[in-house]
N, C-alpha and C. Protein backbone atom coordinates (compact mmCIF):
# COMPACT_ATOMS: atom_id res chain seq x y z
N MET A 1 86.56 117.69 42.03
CA MET A 1 85.83 118.53 41.09
C MET A 1 85.49 119.83 41.77
N SER A 2 85.75 120.90 41.10
CA SER A 2 85.39 122.18 41.68
C SER A 2 84.01 122.54 41.18
N GLY A 3 83.08 122.59 42.07
CA GLY A 3 81.71 122.89 41.70
C GLY A 3 81.33 124.29 42.08
N LYS A 4 80.20 124.72 41.57
CA LYS A 4 79.69 126.03 41.92
C LYS A 4 78.40 125.89 42.71
N ASN A 5 78.10 124.68 43.12
CA ASN A 5 76.82 124.41 43.74
C ASN A 5 76.90 124.16 45.24
N GLY A 6 78.01 124.37 45.88
CA GLY A 6 78.10 124.21 47.32
C GLY A 6 78.17 122.76 47.73
N PHE A 7 77.06 122.04 47.62
CA PHE A 7 76.98 120.67 48.08
C PHE A 7 77.95 119.76 47.33
N PHE A 8 78.12 120.01 46.04
CA PHE A 8 78.98 119.16 45.23
C PHE A 8 80.37 119.77 45.06
N ASP A 9 80.74 120.73 45.92
CA ASP A 9 82.07 121.32 45.81
C ASP A 9 83.15 120.27 46.07
N MET A 10 82.86 119.32 46.92
CA MET A 10 83.85 118.26 47.13
C MET A 10 83.59 117.16 46.12
N ASP A 11 84.56 116.37 45.89
CA ASP A 11 84.43 115.29 44.92
C ASP A 11 83.81 114.10 45.64
N ILE A 12 82.53 113.91 45.45
CA ILE A 12 81.81 112.85 46.16
C ILE A 12 82.29 111.48 45.73
N SER A 13 82.69 111.38 44.47
CA SER A 13 83.15 110.06 44.03
C SER A 13 84.40 109.65 44.81
N LYS A 14 85.26 110.62 45.18
CA LYS A 14 86.43 110.30 46.01
C LYS A 14 85.99 109.92 47.42
N ALA A 15 85.01 110.64 47.92
CA ALA A 15 84.52 110.34 49.26
C ALA A 15 83.92 108.94 49.34
N MET A 16 83.40 108.47 48.22
CA MET A 16 82.74 107.16 48.23
C MET A 16 83.66 106.05 47.71
N GLN A 17 84.96 106.34 47.54
CA GLN A 17 85.88 105.30 47.09
C GLN A 17 85.85 104.14 48.08
N GLY A 18 85.90 102.98 47.56
CA GLY A 18 85.88 101.80 48.41
C GLY A 18 84.46 101.37 48.73
N PHE A 19 83.50 102.23 48.55
CA PHE A 19 82.10 101.90 48.78
C PHE A 19 81.49 101.56 47.44
N SER A 20 81.03 100.36 47.32
CA SER A 20 80.43 100.01 46.03
C SER A 20 79.24 99.09 46.26
N ILE A 21 78.33 99.22 45.34
CA ILE A 21 77.16 98.36 45.31
C ILE A 21 77.25 97.61 43.98
N PRO A 22 77.24 96.31 44.03
CA PRO A 22 77.35 95.56 42.77
C PRO A 22 76.26 95.98 41.77
N GLY A 23 76.69 96.26 40.56
CA GLY A 23 75.74 96.63 39.51
C GLY A 23 75.27 98.07 39.56
N PHE A 24 75.85 98.87 40.46
CA PHE A 24 75.43 100.27 40.59
C PHE A 24 76.62 101.18 40.32
N ASP A 25 76.50 102.05 39.34
CA ASP A 25 77.56 102.96 38.95
C ASP A 25 77.44 104.25 39.77
N ILE A 26 78.23 104.33 40.84
CA ILE A 26 78.15 105.48 41.73
C ILE A 26 78.57 106.76 41.02
N GLU A 27 79.58 106.68 40.19
CA GLU A 27 80.02 107.89 39.48
C GLU A 27 78.94 108.42 38.56
N ALA A 28 78.25 107.53 37.87
CA ALA A 28 77.16 107.95 36.98
C ALA A 28 76.03 108.55 37.80
N PHE A 29 75.75 107.96 38.97
CA PHE A 29 74.71 108.48 39.85
C PHE A 29 75.08 109.89 40.33
N VAL A 30 76.31 110.06 40.76
CA VAL A 30 76.77 111.37 41.24
C VAL A 30 76.72 112.39 40.10
N ALA A 31 77.11 111.99 38.91
CA ALA A 31 77.06 112.90 37.75
C ALA A 31 75.62 113.33 37.47
N THR A 32 74.69 112.39 37.56
CA THR A 32 73.28 112.72 37.35
C THR A 32 72.79 113.71 38.39
N GLN A 33 73.15 113.46 39.64
CA GLN A 33 72.71 114.36 40.70
C GLN A 33 73.33 115.75 40.54
N ARG A 34 74.56 115.79 40.11
CA ARG A 34 75.24 117.07 39.87
C ARG A 34 74.49 117.84 38.77
N LYS A 35 74.13 117.15 37.70
CA LYS A 35 73.39 117.79 36.60
C LYS A 35 72.03 118.30 37.10
N ASN A 36 71.39 117.50 37.96
CA ASN A 36 70.10 117.92 38.52
C ASN A 36 70.26 119.21 39.32
N LEU A 37 71.28 119.25 40.15
CA LEU A 37 71.52 120.43 40.97
C LEU A 37 71.88 121.64 40.11
N GLU A 38 72.64 121.42 39.06
CA GLU A 38 72.99 122.52 38.15
C GLU A 38 71.73 123.05 37.46
N ALA A 39 70.81 122.17 37.08
CA ALA A 39 69.56 122.60 36.46
C ALA A 39 68.72 123.40 37.44
N LEU A 40 68.67 122.94 38.69
CA LEU A 40 67.93 123.69 39.71
C LEU A 40 68.55 125.07 39.92
N THR A 41 69.86 125.13 39.93
CA THR A 41 70.55 126.40 40.10
C THR A 41 70.24 127.33 38.93
N GLN A 42 70.28 126.80 37.72
CA GLN A 42 69.98 127.61 36.54
C GLN A 42 68.53 128.10 36.56
N ALA A 43 67.61 127.22 36.93
CA ALA A 43 66.20 127.61 36.99
C ALA A 43 65.99 128.70 38.05
N ASN A 44 66.66 128.55 39.18
CA ASN A 44 66.57 129.56 40.24
C ASN A 44 67.11 130.90 39.75
N GLN A 45 68.23 130.85 39.04
CA GLN A 45 68.83 132.07 38.48
C GLN A 45 67.85 132.76 37.53
N LEU A 46 67.23 131.98 36.65
CA LEU A 46 66.25 132.55 35.72
C LEU A 46 65.07 133.16 36.46
N ALA A 47 64.61 132.47 37.49
CA ALA A 47 63.48 132.99 38.28
C ALA A 47 63.86 134.30 38.96
N MET A 48 65.05 134.36 39.53
CA MET A 48 65.50 135.59 40.20
C MET A 48 65.65 136.74 39.20
N GLU A 49 66.20 136.45 38.03
CA GLU A 49 66.34 137.48 37.01
C GLU A 49 64.96 137.99 36.59
N GLY A 50 64.00 137.08 36.49
CA GLY A 50 62.63 137.47 36.15
C GLY A 50 62.02 138.36 37.21
N LEU A 51 62.21 137.98 38.48
CA LEU A 51 61.69 138.80 39.57
C LEU A 51 62.32 140.19 39.58
N GLN A 52 63.61 140.25 39.31
CA GLN A 52 64.29 141.54 39.26
C GLN A 52 63.76 142.39 38.11
N ALA A 53 63.52 141.78 36.96
CA ALA A 53 62.97 142.52 35.82
C ALA A 53 61.58 143.07 36.14
N ILE A 54 60.78 142.24 36.81
CA ILE A 54 59.44 142.68 37.19
C ILE A 54 59.53 143.84 38.19
N ALA A 55 60.40 143.72 39.17
CA ALA A 55 60.55 144.78 40.17
C ALA A 55 61.02 146.09 39.51
N ARG A 56 62.00 145.99 38.60
CA ARG A 56 62.46 147.20 37.89
C ARG A 56 61.33 147.84 37.11
N ARG A 57 60.54 147.01 36.44
CA ARG A 57 59.43 147.55 35.63
C ARG A 57 58.37 148.17 36.53
N GLN A 58 58.10 147.56 37.68
CA GLN A 58 57.12 148.13 38.61
C GLN A 58 57.57 149.50 39.11
N VAL A 59 58.85 149.63 39.40
CA VAL A 59 59.38 150.93 39.85
C VAL A 59 59.23 151.95 38.73
N GLU A 60 59.55 151.55 37.51
CA GLU A 60 59.42 152.45 36.37
C GLU A 60 57.97 152.87 36.17
N LEU A 61 57.04 151.93 36.27
CA LEU A 61 55.62 152.24 36.10
C LEU A 61 55.13 153.17 37.21
N ALA A 62 55.60 152.94 38.44
CA ALA A 62 55.21 153.81 39.55
C ALA A 62 55.73 155.23 39.33
N ARG A 63 56.96 155.34 38.85
CA ARG A 63 57.54 156.67 38.58
C ARG A 63 56.72 157.38 37.51
N GLN A 64 56.37 156.67 36.45
CA GLN A 64 55.56 157.26 35.38
C GLN A 64 54.20 157.70 35.91
N ALA A 65 53.60 156.88 36.77
CA ALA A 65 52.28 157.21 37.33
C ALA A 65 52.35 158.48 38.18
N VAL A 66 53.41 158.61 38.97
CA VAL A 66 53.56 159.81 39.80
C VAL A 66 53.72 161.04 38.91
N GLU A 67 54.52 160.92 37.87
CA GLU A 67 54.69 162.04 36.94
C GLU A 67 53.36 162.42 36.28
N GLU A 68 52.59 161.44 35.87
CA GLU A 68 51.30 161.71 35.22
C GLU A 68 50.32 162.36 36.19
N VAL A 69 50.26 161.86 37.41
CA VAL A 69 49.35 162.43 38.41
C VAL A 69 49.75 163.86 38.72
N THR A 70 51.04 164.11 38.81
CA THR A 70 51.52 165.47 39.08
C THR A 70 51.11 166.40 37.94
N THR A 71 51.26 165.96 36.71
CA THR A 71 50.87 166.77 35.55
C THR A 71 49.37 167.02 35.55
N ILE A 72 48.60 165.99 35.82
CA ILE A 72 47.14 166.12 35.84
C ILE A 72 46.71 167.08 36.95
N ALA A 73 47.30 166.91 38.12
CA ALA A 73 46.94 167.78 39.25
C ALA A 73 47.26 169.24 38.92
N ARG A 74 48.38 169.45 38.27
CA ARG A 74 48.77 170.81 37.88
C ARG A 74 47.76 171.38 36.88
N ASP A 75 47.36 170.56 35.91
CA ASP A 75 46.40 171.02 34.89
C ASP A 75 45.03 171.31 35.51
N ILE A 76 44.62 170.42 36.41
CA ILE A 76 43.30 170.60 37.03
C ILE A 76 43.29 171.84 37.93
N GLY A 77 44.39 172.08 38.58
CA GLY A 77 44.46 173.21 39.51
C GLY A 77 44.55 174.57 38.84
N GLN A 78 44.78 174.61 37.54
CA GLN A 78 44.88 175.87 36.82
C GLN A 78 43.51 176.53 36.77
N PRO A 79 43.45 177.78 37.17
CA PRO A 79 42.17 178.48 37.06
C PRO A 79 41.84 178.68 35.58
N GLY A 80 40.60 178.61 35.27
CA GLY A 80 40.20 178.78 33.88
C GLY A 80 38.72 179.06 33.78
N SER A 81 38.31 179.27 32.61
CA SER A 81 36.90 179.60 32.41
C SER A 81 36.12 178.38 31.94
N ALA A 82 36.69 177.21 32.09
CA ALA A 82 36.00 175.99 31.64
C ALA A 82 34.77 175.76 32.47
N LYS A 83 33.76 175.26 31.81
CA LYS A 83 32.50 174.95 32.50
C LYS A 83 32.70 173.73 33.39
N VAL A 84 31.87 173.63 34.40
CA VAL A 84 31.92 172.49 35.32
C VAL A 84 31.72 171.18 34.56
N GLU A 85 30.80 171.19 33.60
CA GLU A 85 30.54 169.98 32.81
C GLU A 85 31.78 169.56 32.02
N ASP A 86 32.50 170.54 31.49
CA ASP A 86 33.71 170.24 30.73
C ASP A 86 34.79 169.65 31.64
N LYS A 87 34.92 170.24 32.82
CA LYS A 87 35.91 169.72 33.78
C LYS A 87 35.56 168.29 34.20
N MET A 88 34.27 168.04 34.43
CA MET A 88 33.84 166.69 34.83
C MET A 88 34.09 165.70 33.70
N ALA A 89 33.82 166.12 32.48
CA ALA A 89 34.06 165.23 31.33
C ALA A 89 35.56 164.93 31.21
N LYS A 90 36.38 165.95 31.43
CA LYS A 90 37.82 165.76 31.36
C LYS A 90 38.29 164.80 32.47
N HIS A 91 37.75 164.96 33.67
CA HIS A 91 38.10 164.07 34.79
C HIS A 91 37.69 162.64 34.49
N ALA A 92 36.50 162.46 33.91
CA ALA A 92 36.02 161.12 33.56
C ALA A 92 36.93 160.49 32.50
N ASP A 93 37.34 161.30 31.52
CA ASP A 93 38.24 160.80 30.48
C ASP A 93 39.59 160.41 31.07
N LEU A 94 40.11 161.23 31.98
CA LEU A 94 41.39 160.92 32.62
C LEU A 94 41.29 159.66 33.47
N ALA A 95 40.18 159.48 34.16
CA ALA A 95 39.99 158.28 34.98
C ALA A 95 39.94 157.04 34.09
N LYS A 96 39.25 157.16 32.95
CA LYS A 96 39.17 156.04 32.01
C LYS A 96 40.57 155.70 31.47
N GLN A 97 41.34 156.71 31.10
CA GLN A 97 42.69 156.49 30.59
C GLN A 97 43.58 155.83 31.65
N ALA A 98 43.45 156.30 32.89
CA ALA A 98 44.25 155.73 33.98
C ALA A 98 43.90 154.26 34.20
N PHE A 99 42.61 153.96 34.15
CA PHE A 99 42.16 152.58 34.33
C PHE A 99 42.71 151.68 33.22
N GLU A 100 42.59 152.13 31.97
CA GLU A 100 43.07 151.35 30.84
C GLU A 100 44.58 151.16 30.90
N LYS A 101 45.28 152.21 31.30
CA LYS A 101 46.73 152.11 31.41
C LYS A 101 47.11 151.13 32.53
N GLY A 102 46.38 151.18 33.63
CA GLY A 102 46.62 150.25 34.73
C GLY A 102 46.44 148.80 34.29
N LEU A 103 45.39 148.55 33.51
CA LEU A 103 45.17 147.20 32.99
C LEU A 103 46.30 146.77 32.05
N ALA A 104 46.72 147.68 31.19
CA ALA A 104 47.82 147.37 30.27
C ALA A 104 49.10 147.07 31.05
N ASN A 105 49.35 147.83 32.10
CA ASN A 105 50.54 147.59 32.92
C ASN A 105 50.46 146.24 33.62
N MET A 106 49.28 145.89 34.11
CA MET A 106 49.13 144.58 34.75
C MET A 106 49.36 143.46 33.75
N ARG A 107 48.85 143.63 32.53
CA ARG A 107 49.07 142.62 31.49
C ARG A 107 50.56 142.47 31.19
N GLU A 108 51.25 143.60 31.11
CA GLU A 108 52.69 143.57 30.83
C GLU A 108 53.45 142.84 31.94
N LEU A 109 53.12 143.16 33.19
CA LEU A 109 53.80 142.50 34.31
C LEU A 109 53.47 141.00 34.36
N THR A 110 52.24 140.67 34.03
CA THR A 110 51.85 139.25 33.99
C THR A 110 52.62 138.53 32.89
N THR A 111 52.80 139.17 31.76
CA THR A 111 53.56 138.59 30.65
C THR A 111 55.01 138.37 31.07
N LEU A 112 55.60 139.35 31.75
CA LEU A 112 56.98 139.19 32.23
C LEU A 112 57.09 138.01 33.19
N ALA A 113 56.15 137.90 34.11
CA ALA A 113 56.18 136.81 35.09
C ALA A 113 56.00 135.46 34.40
N THR A 114 55.08 135.40 33.45
CA THR A 114 54.84 134.15 32.72
C THR A 114 56.08 133.73 31.95
N LYS A 115 56.73 134.69 31.29
CA LYS A 115 57.94 134.38 30.52
C LYS A 115 59.03 133.84 31.45
N SER A 116 59.22 134.49 32.57
CA SER A 116 60.24 134.06 33.52
C SER A 116 59.95 132.65 34.04
N ASN A 117 58.71 132.41 34.43
CA ASN A 117 58.33 131.09 34.94
C ASN A 117 58.49 130.02 33.87
N THR A 118 58.13 130.36 32.64
CA THR A 118 58.24 129.40 31.54
C THR A 118 59.70 129.03 31.30
N GLU A 119 60.58 130.02 31.30
CA GLU A 119 62.00 129.74 31.08
C GLU A 119 62.56 128.82 32.17
N ALA A 120 62.22 129.12 33.42
CA ALA A 120 62.71 128.29 34.52
C ALA A 120 62.13 126.87 34.43
N PHE A 121 60.85 126.78 34.11
CA PHE A 121 60.21 125.47 33.99
C PHE A 121 60.83 124.66 32.85
N GLU A 122 61.15 125.32 31.74
CA GLU A 122 61.74 124.60 30.61
C GLU A 122 63.09 123.99 30.98
N VAL A 123 63.87 124.69 31.77
CA VAL A 123 65.17 124.16 32.21
C VAL A 123 64.93 122.89 33.04
N LEU A 124 64.00 122.98 33.99
CA LEU A 124 63.72 121.83 34.85
C LEU A 124 63.11 120.67 34.06
N ASN A 125 62.21 120.99 33.15
CA ASN A 125 61.58 119.94 32.34
C ASN A 125 62.60 119.22 31.47
N LYS A 126 63.51 119.99 30.86
CA LYS A 126 64.56 119.38 30.03
C LYS A 126 65.44 118.46 30.87
N ARG A 127 65.80 118.93 32.07
CA ARG A 127 66.66 118.12 32.93
C ARG A 127 65.92 116.87 33.41
N LEU A 128 64.65 117.00 33.71
CA LEU A 128 63.87 115.84 34.15
C LEU A 128 63.84 114.78 33.05
N THR A 129 63.63 115.23 31.82
CA THR A 129 63.64 114.29 30.69
C THR A 129 64.99 113.60 30.56
N GLN A 130 66.07 114.38 30.64
CA GLN A 130 67.41 113.80 30.56
C GLN A 130 67.66 112.83 31.71
N SER A 131 67.21 113.20 32.89
CA SER A 131 67.41 112.36 34.06
C SER A 131 66.67 111.02 33.92
N MET A 132 65.47 111.08 33.38
CA MET A 132 64.71 109.85 33.17
C MET A 132 65.42 108.95 32.16
N GLU A 133 66.00 109.55 31.13
CA GLU A 133 66.76 108.78 30.14
C GLU A 133 67.99 108.14 30.79
N GLU A 134 68.64 108.89 31.68
CA GLU A 134 69.81 108.35 32.37
C GLU A 134 69.42 107.17 33.25
N VAL A 135 68.28 107.26 33.93
CA VAL A 135 67.81 106.16 34.77
C VAL A 135 67.51 104.94 33.91
N GLN A 136 66.90 105.16 32.75
CA GLN A 136 66.64 104.04 31.84
C GLN A 136 67.95 103.40 31.38
N ASN A 137 68.95 104.22 31.11
CA ASN A 137 70.26 103.69 30.70
C ASN A 137 70.90 102.89 31.83
N PHE A 138 70.76 103.36 33.08
CA PHE A 138 71.28 102.60 34.23
C PHE A 138 70.62 101.23 34.26
N ALA A 139 69.31 101.22 34.08
CA ALA A 139 68.55 99.96 34.14
C ALA A 139 68.98 99.03 33.00
N LYS A 140 69.17 99.59 31.80
CA LYS A 140 69.60 98.78 30.66
C LYS A 140 70.97 98.17 30.91
N LYS A 141 71.89 98.97 31.45
CA LYS A 141 73.24 98.47 31.74
C LYS A 141 73.18 97.37 32.79
N LYS A 142 72.33 97.56 33.78
CA LYS A 142 72.24 96.57 34.85
C LYS A 142 71.69 95.24 34.34
N THR A 143 70.65 95.32 33.48
CA THR A 143 70.08 94.08 32.95
C THR A 143 71.01 93.41 31.94
N ALA A 144 71.85 94.21 31.28
CA ALA A 144 72.79 93.64 30.32
C ALA A 144 73.97 92.96 31.01
N ALA A 145 74.24 93.41 32.25
CA ALA A 145 75.41 92.84 32.98
C ALA A 145 75.13 91.48 33.54
């Protein structure tokens, strides 16, 4: 069997030919383990894709923040006839906006991470359920034999 999982690249059932345990289906066991490894690989892939999406979004948010700070610094540095109180009020408003935007960005990144983790967990949970059913089927076959 040509696998994509490294460990199962060789055909384990061939390697175990001649080795048998009465009442134990080695091929079914190997197939179950292969499915488990494939689920782990898929979950890992989903997790990595999620991390990459989060990293891309963080870079984008950082770029936006630098652009905004540059614009604000340029505006603040402009000489004008504005009163000190007006400038302070504007600074306070900008600080409030920056804080709120920072919170919104953190919420967005948390949502991305949660989605990624949920997708990976769902793959593993589905496989665990299937694996438990396979074990029950092994037990049923053994008791029927």
